[in-house]
Amino acid sequence: MHHASIRTANIHRAIAFYEHLGFTISERFTTGYTLACWMEGLGGRIELIQIPEPKPAADAFADEHYVGYYHLSFDLTEITPNLPSWLTNLQERVLKTEELEPLKVLLEPTQQQIGDRIYEVAFIADTDGLPLEFIRVLAKVP
């Protein structure tokens, strides 16, 4: 996959948020008459596109009838020893950034078995409410 594209109401605020997640800008450009950029990090690339006159996004996490793209997921197994401390550290960094609101945690870190793996899973919302999942492999079930 080349990239996942995210439409945002405020590209500067979105860039600041994704930089806290470990992304860096690799390219800035315009699409028609609006600002855009590619950011790379956490093993992938995202594209941020600022939308003029934005409307609130659907609540994909809370609306059980929502159909469409649901969330991006990032594997932090090699990056952090546990999600609770990673999430606390992220919250502290976000709170120090004037243009960002406090982190919105959609699902506190919890354990979940998927197939033959036990995962630690957490969800947060980005600056536009897009659900983001963070996972860590804890164990393989024999």
Protein backbone atom coordinates (compact mmCIF):
# COMPACT_ATOMS: atom_id res chain seq x y z
CA MET A 1 0.00 0.00 0.00
CA HIS A 2 1.35 3.44 -0.90
CA HIS A 3 -0.50 5.55 1.70
CA ALA A 4 -3.72 6.13 3.62
CA SER A 5 -5.33 9.52 3.02
CA ILE A 6 -6.90 11.54 5.84
CA ARG A 7 -9.01 14.63 5.27
CA THR A 8 -8.56 17.18 8.04
CA ALA A 9 -10.16 20.45 9.09
CA ASN A 10 -6.78 21.91 10.11
CA ILE A 11 -3.64 20.48 8.53
CA HIS A 12 -1.27 22.27 10.91
CA ARG A 13 -3.02 20.83 13.97
CA ALA A 14 -3.13 17.37 12.33
CA ILE A 15 0.59 17.54 11.49
CA ALA A 16 1.42 18.43 15.11
CA PHE A 17 -0.67 15.48 16.34
CA TYR A 18 0.83 12.92 13.96
CA GLU A 19 4.34 14.17 14.73
CA HIS A 20 3.68 13.15 18.35
CA LEU A 21 2.92 9.65 17.06
CA GLY A 22 6.32 9.53 15.35
CA PHE A 23 5.45 10.67 11.82
CA THR A 24 7.58 13.17 9.91
CA ILE A 25 6.70 15.16 6.81
CA SER A 26 8.25 13.70 3.68
CA GLU A 27 6.52 15.91 1.10
CA ARG A 28 4.38 19.07 1.10
CA PHE A 29 2.13 19.86 -1.87
CA THR A 30 -1.26 21.22 -2.89
CA THR A 31 -4.26 19.38 -4.26
CA GLY A 32 -6.25 21.84 -6.30
CA TYR A 33 -6.51 24.82 -3.96
CA THR A 34 -5.84 23.13 -0.62
CA LEU A 35 -2.80 22.17 1.44
CA ALA A 36 -1.60 18.57 1.65
CA CYS A 37 1.40 16.53 2.78
CA TRP A 38 2.73 13.01 3.06
CA MET A 39 3.99 11.92 6.45
CA GLU A 40 5.97 8.76 7.15
CA GLY A 41 6.26 6.84 10.39
CA LEU A 42 5.21 3.73 12.32
CA GLY A 43 5.92 1.60 9.27
CA GLY A 44 3.71 3.47 6.81
CA ARG A 45 2.77 6.67 5.05
CA ILE A 46 -0.28 8.88 5.50
CA GLU A 47 -1.50 11.78 3.41
CA LEU A 48 -3.12 14.73 5.15
CA ILE A 49 -5.41 16.96 3.09
CA GLN A 50 -6.95 20.10 4.53
CA ILE A 51 -10.60 20.44 3.56
CA PRO A 52 -12.09 23.92 3.08
CA GLU A 53 -15.35 24.46 4.98
CA PRO A 54 -15.16 21.09 6.76
CA LYS A 55 -18.18 19.34 8.22
CA PRO A 56 -17.93 17.13 11.32
CA ALA A 57 -16.88 13.56 10.56
CA ALA A 58 -19.16 10.61 11.27
CA ASP A 59 -18.44 8.91 14.60
CA ALA A 60 -17.15 5.61 13.23
CA PHE A 61 -16.13 4.34 16.67
CA ALA A 62 -19.40 4.93 18.54
CA ASP A 63 -21.97 4.46 15.76
CA GLU A 64 -22.59 0.72 15.49
CA HIS A 65 -24.41 1.26 12.18
CA TYR A 66 -21.56 3.19 10.51
CA VAL A 67 -20.35 1.66 7.24
CA GLY A 68 -17.04 2.58 5.62
CA TYR A 69 -13.43 2.95 6.54
CA TYR A 70 -13.20 2.38 10.26
CA HIS A 71 -9.69 3.03 11.57
CA LEU A 72 -5.96 2.91 10.97
CA SER A 73 -4.00 0.42 13.08
CA PHE A 74 -0.37 0.69 14.17
CA ASP A 75 1.73 -2.14 15.62
CA LEU A 76 3.85 -0.82 18.50
CA THR A 77 5.32 -4.21 19.50
CA GLU A 78 8.87 -3.12 18.63
CA ILE A 79 8.42 0.47 19.85
CA THR A 80 7.18 0.24 23.44
CA PRO A 81 7.15 -2.36 26.24
CA ASN A 82 3.51 -1.57 27.11
CA LEU A 83 0.62 0.53 25.85
CA PRO A 84 -0.43 2.15 29.15
CA SER A 85 2.93 3.89 29.61
CA TRP A 86 3.13 4.77 25.90
CA LEU A 87 -0.36 6.30 26.09
CA THR A 88 0.49 8.27 29.26
CA ASN A 89 3.65 9.60 27.64
CA LEU A 90 1.73 10.58 24.49
CA GLN A 91 -0.91 12.38 26.58
CA GLU A 92 1.79 14.36 28.42
CA ARG A 93 3.41 15.43 25.12
CA VAL A 94 0.06 16.40 23.58
CA LEU A 95 -0.86 18.49 26.63
CA LYS A 96 2.35 20.50 26.18
CA THR A 97 1.39 21.40 22.60
CA GLU A 98 -0.65 24.60 22.64
CA GLU A 99 -2.57 23.93 19.41
CA LEU A 100 -3.75 20.46 20.49
CA GLU A 101 -6.60 19.48 22.78
CA PRO A 102 -6.14 16.71 25.38
CA LEU A 103 -5.93 13.24 23.92
CA LYS A 104 -9.30 11.54 23.44
CA VAL A 105 -8.97 7.89 24.48
CA LEU A 106 -11.70 5.78 22.89
CA LEU A 107 -10.60 2.48 24.43
CA GLU A 108 -8.11 2.18 27.28
CA PRO A 109 -5.43 -0.48 26.77
CA THR A 110 -6.96 -3.93 27.05
CA GLN A 111 -6.01 -7.48 26.10
CA GLN A 112 -7.68 -9.27 23.22
CA GLN A 113 -7.09 -12.65 21.60
CA ILE A 114 -7.18 -12.64 17.80
CA GLY A 115 -6.34 -15.96 16.20
CA ASP A 116 -3.30 -17.45 17.92
CA ARG A 117 -2.05 -14.12 19.37
CA ILE A 118 -2.80 -12.19 22.55
CA TYR A 119 -2.70 -8.46 21.82
CA GLU A 120 -2.68 -5.36 23.94
CA VAL A 121 -5.10 -2.96 22.16
CA ALA A 122 -5.98 0.72 22.61
CA PHE A 123 -7.89 3.27 20.54
CA ILE A 124 -7.52 7.06 20.47
CA ALA A 125 -9.02 9.74 18.23
CA ASP A 126 -6.95 12.04 16.06
CA THR A 127 -7.64 15.79 15.86
CA ASP A 128 -10.65 15.23 13.58
CA GLY A 129 -12.07 12.28 15.52
CA LEU A 130 -10.68 9.51 13.28
CA PRO A 131 -10.24 6.35 15.37
CA LEU A 132 -6.64 5.11 15.56
CA GLU A 133 -5.80 1.66 16.93
CA PHE A 134 -2.51 0.80 18.59
CA ILE A 135 -1.61 -2.84 19.17
CA ARG A 136 1.20 -4.87 20.70
CA VAL A 137 1.71 -8.61 20.47
CA LEU A 138 1.91 -9.96 24.02
CA ALA A 139 2.03 -13.72 23.37
CA LYS A 140 1.40 -16.51 20.93
CA VAL A 141 -1.10 -19.12 22.06
CA PRO A 142 0.22 -22.67 21.52
